[in-house]
Amino acid sequence: MPGKVRAHELFQLTYYDSIDRGDIPGAVSALHDEVVWWHAQVWKRHEFGLPASEKLEGRAAVEGLLD
């Protein structure tokens, strides 16, 4: 499978489509086990109580943010 096709499959079909379905474990399965993910809030939402940006390491950390 060509690299562009596989990248599309991982990001669109596995990650984004799983997010849309509410399947967070399925979404993070598109990520490497040792992913380093920087999350930055685009707009400030005080009621979430999250920092403006944070570094997440590993699938479980990303899943915890998304869940």
N, C-alpha and C. Protein backbone atom coordinates (compact mmCIF):
# COMPACT_ATOMS: atom_id res chain seq x y z
N MET A 1 0.85 -1.18 0.00
CA MET A 1 0.00 0.00 0.00
C MET A 1 0.89 1.23 0.00
N PRO A 2 0.68 2.16 -0.93
CA PRO A 2 1.50 3.38 -0.97
C PRO A 2 1.38 4.19 0.32
N GLY A 3 2.45 4.91 0.66
CA GLY A 3 2.50 5.66 1.91
C GLY A 3 1.39 6.67 2.08
N LYS A 4 1.03 7.39 1.01
CA LYS A 4 -0.04 8.40 1.11
C LYS A 4 -1.38 7.75 1.41
N VAL A 5 -1.62 6.61 0.81
CA VAL A 5 -2.89 5.90 1.03
C VAL A 5 -2.95 5.41 2.48
N ARG A 6 -1.85 4.86 2.97
CA ARG A 6 -1.81 4.37 4.35
C ARG A 6 -1.95 5.52 5.35
N ALA A 7 -1.30 6.65 5.08
CA ALA A 7 -1.42 7.80 5.96
C ALA A 7 -2.87 8.29 6.01
N HIS A 8 -3.53 8.34 4.84
CA HIS A 8 -4.93 8.73 4.81
C HIS A 8 -5.78 7.76 5.61
N GLU A 9 -5.52 6.48 5.43
CA GLU A 9 -6.28 5.46 6.16
C GLU A 9 -6.12 5.64 7.66
N LEU A 10 -4.89 5.84 8.11
CA LEU A 10 -4.65 5.99 9.55
C LEU A 10 -5.31 7.24 10.11
N PHE A 11 -5.12 8.36 9.44
CA PHE A 11 -5.65 9.61 10.00
C PHE A 11 -7.14 9.78 9.77
N GLN A 12 -7.61 9.60 8.56
CA GLN A 12 -9.02 9.85 8.29
C GLN A 12 -9.90 8.69 8.74
N LEU A 13 -9.61 7.50 8.22
CA LEU A 13 -10.50 6.37 8.47
C LEU A 13 -10.38 5.82 9.89
N THR A 14 -9.17 5.80 10.42
CA THR A 14 -9.00 5.25 11.77
C THR A 14 -9.16 6.33 12.83
N TYR A 15 -8.39 7.42 12.74
CA TYR A 15 -8.40 8.43 13.80
C TYR A 15 -9.66 9.29 13.76
N TYR A 16 -9.82 10.10 12.70
CA TYR A 16 -10.93 11.07 12.68
C TYR A 16 -12.30 10.41 12.63
N ASP A 17 -12.47 9.38 11.83
CA ASP A 17 -13.78 8.72 11.78
C ASP A 17 -14.13 8.06 13.11
N SER A 18 -13.12 7.53 13.80
CA SER A 18 -13.37 6.95 15.12
C SER A 18 -13.76 8.03 16.12
N ILE A 19 -13.11 9.18 16.07
CA ILE A 19 -13.48 10.30 16.94
C ILE A 19 -14.95 10.67 16.69
N ASP A 20 -15.33 10.76 15.43
CA ASP A 20 -16.71 11.12 15.09
C ASP A 20 -17.71 10.10 15.63
N ARG A 21 -17.33 8.84 15.71
CA ARG A 21 -18.21 7.79 16.23
C ARG A 21 -18.16 7.68 17.75
N GLY A 22 -17.23 8.41 18.36
CA GLY A 22 -17.07 8.30 19.81
C GLY A 22 -16.25 7.10 20.22
N ASP A 23 -15.53 6.51 19.29
CA ASP A 23 -14.70 5.33 19.54
C ASP A 23 -13.27 5.79 19.82
N ILE A 24 -13.02 6.25 21.04
CA ILE A 24 -11.72 6.81 21.40
C ILE A 24 -10.62 5.75 21.36
N PRO A 25 -10.82 4.54 21.90
CA PRO A 25 -9.77 3.52 21.77
C PRO A 25 -9.43 3.21 20.31
N GLY A 26 -10.42 3.20 19.45
CA GLY A 26 -10.18 2.99 18.02
C GLY A 26 -9.37 4.12 17.43
N ALA A 27 -9.66 5.34 17.85
CA ALA A 27 -8.94 6.50 17.33
C ALA A 27 -7.47 6.46 17.70
N VAL A 28 -7.18 6.20 18.97
CA VAL A 28 -5.78 6.20 19.38
C VAL A 28 -5.02 4.99 18.85
N SER A 29 -5.71 3.99 18.33
CA SER A 29 -5.01 2.86 17.73
C SER A 29 -4.24 3.28 16.48
N ALA A 30 -4.57 4.44 15.92
CA ALA A 30 -3.85 4.96 14.76
C ALA A 30 -2.49 5.54 15.15
N LEU A 31 -2.29 5.76 16.43
CA LEU A 31 -1.07 6.39 16.91
C LEU A 31 -0.02 5.36 17.32
N HIS A 32 1.24 5.75 17.26
CA HIS A 32 2.34 4.89 17.71
C HIS A 32 2.21 4.68 19.22
N ASP A 33 2.63 3.53 19.70
CA ASP A 33 2.56 3.24 21.14
C ASP A 33 3.24 4.31 21.99
N GLU A 34 4.32 4.87 21.49
CA GLU A 34 5.10 5.85 22.25
C GLU A 34 4.91 7.26 21.70
N VAL A 35 3.71 7.56 21.23
CA VAL A 35 3.41 8.88 20.66
C VAL A 35 3.71 9.98 21.67
N VAL A 36 4.22 11.09 21.18
CA VAL A 36 4.35 12.32 21.98
C VAL A 36 3.42 13.32 21.32
N TRP A 37 2.44 13.77 22.06
CA TRP A 37 1.35 14.59 21.53
C TRP A 37 1.31 15.90 22.31
N TRP A 38 1.44 17.01 21.63
CA TRP A 38 1.29 18.32 22.26
C TRP A 38 -0.12 18.80 22.01
N HIS A 39 -0.85 19.01 23.08
CA HIS A 39 -2.22 19.50 22.97
C HIS A 39 -2.24 20.97 23.34
N ALA A 40 -2.80 21.78 22.48
CA ALA A 40 -2.95 23.21 22.75
C ALA A 40 -4.40 23.60 22.51
N GLN A 41 -4.99 24.27 23.47
CA GLN A 41 -6.36 24.73 23.30
C GLN A 41 -6.38 25.87 22.30
N VAL A 42 -7.27 25.78 21.35
CA VAL A 42 -7.41 26.82 20.34
C VAL A 42 -8.19 28.00 20.91
N TRP A 43 -9.16 27.72 21.72
CA TRP A 43 -9.91 28.77 22.39
C TRP A 43 -9.95 28.43 23.87
N LYS A 44 -10.03 29.43 24.70
CA LYS A 44 -9.99 29.22 26.14
C LYS A 44 -11.37 28.78 26.64
N ARG A 45 -11.39 27.66 27.30
CA ARG A 45 -12.61 27.14 27.91
C ARG A 45 -12.34 26.90 29.39
N HIS A 46 -12.66 27.86 30.21
CA HIS A 46 -12.35 27.76 31.64
C HIS A 46 -13.06 26.61 32.31
N GLU A 47 -14.26 26.28 31.86
CA GLU A 47 -15.02 25.24 32.54
C GLU A 47 -14.39 23.86 32.40
N PHE A 48 -13.49 23.69 31.42
CA PHE A 48 -12.82 22.39 31.27
C PHE A 48 -11.72 22.21 32.31
N GLY A 49 -11.17 23.31 32.80
CA GLY A 49 -10.12 23.23 33.79
C GLY A 49 -8.82 22.65 33.27
N LEU A 50 -8.59 22.69 31.96
CA LEU A 50 -7.38 22.15 31.37
C LEU A 50 -6.35 23.26 31.18
N PRO A 51 -5.08 22.90 31.24
CA PRO A 51 -4.06 23.92 30.94
C PRO A 51 -4.13 24.34 29.48
N ALA A 52 -3.55 25.51 29.17
CA ALA A 52 -3.59 26.02 27.80
C ALA A 52 -2.88 25.08 26.84
N SER A 53 -1.82 24.43 27.30
CA SER A 53 -1.15 23.42 26.48
C SER A 53 -0.52 22.39 27.41
N GLU A 54 -0.34 21.21 26.90
CA GLU A 54 0.27 20.15 27.69
C GLU A 54 0.87 19.09 26.78
N LYS A 55 1.88 18.42 27.29
CA LYS A 55 2.57 17.36 26.56
C LYS A 55 2.04 16.02 27.06
N LEU A 56 1.56 15.21 26.14
CA LEU A 56 1.06 13.88 26.47
C LEU A 56 2.01 12.85 25.88
N GLU A 57 2.32 11.82 26.64
CA GLU A 57 3.23 10.79 26.16
C GLU A 57 2.56 9.43 26.25
N GLY A 58 2.43 8.76 25.11
CA GLY A 58 1.84 7.43 25.03
C GLY A 58 0.37 7.45 24.67
N ARG A 59 -0.08 6.33 24.11
CA ARG A 59 -1.49 6.22 23.70
C ARG A 59 -2.45 6.42 24.85
N ALA A 60 -2.12 5.88 26.02
CA ALA A 60 -3.05 5.98 27.16
C ALA A 60 -3.27 7.43 27.57
N ALA A 61 -2.24 8.25 27.50
CA ALA A 61 -2.38 9.67 27.86
C ALA A 61 -3.26 10.39 26.86
N VAL A 62 -3.09 10.11 25.56
CA VAL A 62 -3.92 10.73 24.54
C VAL A 62 -5.36 10.26 24.70
N GLU A 63 -5.53 8.98 24.95
CA GLU A 63 -6.89 8.44 25.15
C GLU A 63 -7.56 9.11 26.35
N GLY A 64 -6.81 9.35 27.41
CA GLY A 64 -7.36 10.01 28.59
C GLY A 64 -7.82 11.42 28.30
N LEU A 65 -7.10 12.13 27.45
CA LEU A 65 -7.51 13.48 27.07
C LEU A 65 -8.79 13.44 26.23
N LEU A 66 -8.85 12.51 25.30
CA LEU A 66 -9.98 12.46 24.36
C LEU A 66 -11.24 11.87 24.97
N ASP A 67 -11.08 11.05 25.99
CA ASP A 67 -12.23 10.32 26.55
C ASP A 67 -13.08 11.19 27.42
